[in-house]
Amino acid sequence: MFHYSSLFLFQIQIMANKRTFKKNLNEMVFDIVEECFYLQMVDESKTKKTEALIDETAAFQDEVLGKISRSKTKKEFTELTNYVGEKGKYFVEQLNALNK
């Protein structure tokens, strides 16, 4: 048994600009989806739960990309960075729960 760590989330914590933030967000989402597909290959009984997590991750990505485009101040950007970090930890916890 292995557990997913939040190592990939540390990239999200320090952002230089919106372009870098979007790139790191997309990488985080890709990592989550990739792990879901792996879990589906290993245990087909988890397909419904992993599909739900993929859908939730995609909705989160759309939400955050919209907020990134609308953010104008450094404060908004910092709040969004914190939100993404928290949500990333949530997704890691969900993946760990699926792995049990």
Protein backbone atom coordinates (compact mmCIF):
# COMPACT_ATOMS: atom_id res chain seq x y z
CA MET A 1 0.00 0.00 0.00
CA PHE A 2 1.24 3.47 -0.78
CA HIS A 3 -0.06 6.93 0.00
CA TYR A 4 -0.05 9.97 -2.18
CA SER A 5 1.84 12.86 -0.74
CA SER A 6 1.22 16.50 -1.28
CA LEU A 7 4.67 17.09 -2.77
CA PHE A 8 3.23 18.31 -6.05
CA LEU A 9 1.24 20.91 -4.15
CA PHE A 10 4.32 22.80 -2.99
CA GLN A 11 4.77 24.18 -6.51
CA ILE A 12 1.42 25.95 -6.14
CA GLN A 13 2.46 27.83 -3.02
CA ILE A 14 4.85 30.30 -4.63
CA MET A 15 3.69 31.85 -7.86
CA ALA A 16 5.53 34.32 -10.00
CA ASN A 17 2.68 35.20 -12.35
CA LYS A 18 -0.65 34.03 -13.72
CA ARG A 19 0.89 31.99 -16.50
CA THR A 20 3.02 29.99 -14.05
CA PHE A 21 0.03 29.58 -11.73
CA LYS A 22 -2.10 28.18 -14.57
CA LYS A 23 0.69 25.84 -15.61
CA ASN A 24 1.11 24.48 -12.08
CA LEU A 25 -2.65 24.15 -11.64
CA ASN A 26 -2.89 22.14 -14.85
CA GLU A 27 -0.02 19.90 -13.71
CA MET A 28 -1.73 19.31 -10.38
CA VAL A 29 -5.01 18.38 -12.10
CA PHE A 30 -3.16 16.11 -14.53
CA ASP A 31 -1.46 14.32 -11.62
CA ILE A 32 -4.80 13.74 -9.89
CA VAL A 33 -6.46 12.43 -13.05
CA GLU A 34 -3.47 10.22 -13.81
CA GLU A 35 -3.63 8.68 -10.33
CA CYS A 36 -7.35 8.07 -10.76
CA PHE A 37 -6.73 6.23 -14.03
CA TYR A 38 -4.04 4.17 -12.32
CA LEU A 39 -6.46 3.22 -9.55
CA GLN A 40 -9.02 2.21 -12.19
CA MET A 41 -6.49 -0.08 -13.85
CA VAL A 42 -5.48 -1.68 -10.55
CA ASP A 43 -8.98 -2.07 -9.12
CA GLU A 44 -11.94 -1.79 -11.46
CA SER A 45 -14.38 -1.68 -8.55
CA LYS A 46 -13.20 1.89 -7.84
CA THR A 47 -14.15 3.20 -11.29
CA LYS A 48 -17.27 5.07 -10.19
CA LYS A 49 -15.51 6.79 -7.30
CA THR A 50 -12.50 7.75 -9.40
CA GLU A 51 -14.76 9.05 -12.19
CA ALA A 52 -16.52 11.24 -9.63
CA LEU A 53 -13.16 12.55 -8.40
CA ILE A 54 -12.08 13.28 -11.98
CA ASP A 55 -15.31 15.21 -12.59
CA GLU A 56 -14.83 17.15 -9.35
CA THR A 57 -11.23 17.93 -10.29
CA ALA A 58 -12.25 19.16 -13.75
CA ALA A 59 -14.93 21.42 -12.26
CA PHE A 60 -12.38 22.76 -9.79
CA GLN A 61 -9.93 23.48 -12.61
CA ASP A 62 -12.57 25.40 -14.59
CA GLU A 63 -13.54 27.38 -11.49
CA VAL A 64 -9.96 28.33 -10.65
CA LEU A 65 -8.99 29.22 -14.22
CA GLY A 66 -11.92 31.64 -14.30
CA LYS A 67 -10.90 33.17 -10.98
CA ILE A 68 -7.30 33.53 -12.16
CA SER A 69 -8.46 35.52 -15.17
CA ARG A 70 -10.61 37.76 -12.99
CA SER A 71 -8.06 38.35 -10.23
CA LYS A 72 -6.65 41.86 -10.35
CA THR A 73 -4.87 42.41 -7.04
CA LYS A 74 -2.08 40.62 -5.29
CA LYS A 75 -4.44 39.93 -2.37
CA GLU A 76 -6.93 38.12 -4.62
CA PHE A 77 -4.09 36.15 -6.16
CA THR A 78 -2.74 35.16 -2.73
CA GLU A 79 -6.20 34.07 -1.56
CA LEU A 80 -6.62 32.01 -4.70
CA THR A 81 -3.22 30.39 -4.19
CA ASN A 82 -4.22 29.42 -0.64
CA TYR A 83 -7.55 28.05 -1.89
CA VAL A 84 -5.82 25.90 -4.50
CA GLY A 85 -3.39 24.57 -1.89
CA GLU A 86 -6.24 23.62 0.44
CA LYS A 87 -8.25 21.99 -2.32
CA GLY A 88 -5.15 20.15 -3.50
CA LYS A 89 -4.74 18.67 -0.05
CA TYR A 90 -8.40 17.62 -0.17
CA PHE A 91 -7.81 15.80 -3.45
CA VAL A 92 -4.76 14.03 -2.01
CA GLU A 93 -6.87 12.91 0.95
CA GLN A 94 -9.53 11.61 -1.45
CA LEU A 95 -6.92 9.66 -3.40
CA ASN A 96 -5.52 8.21 -0.20
CA ALA A 97 -9.01 7.13 0.86
CA LEU A 98 -9.54 5.41 -2.50
CA ASN A 99 -6.25 3.60 -2.12
CA LYS A 100 -7.34 1.77 1.06
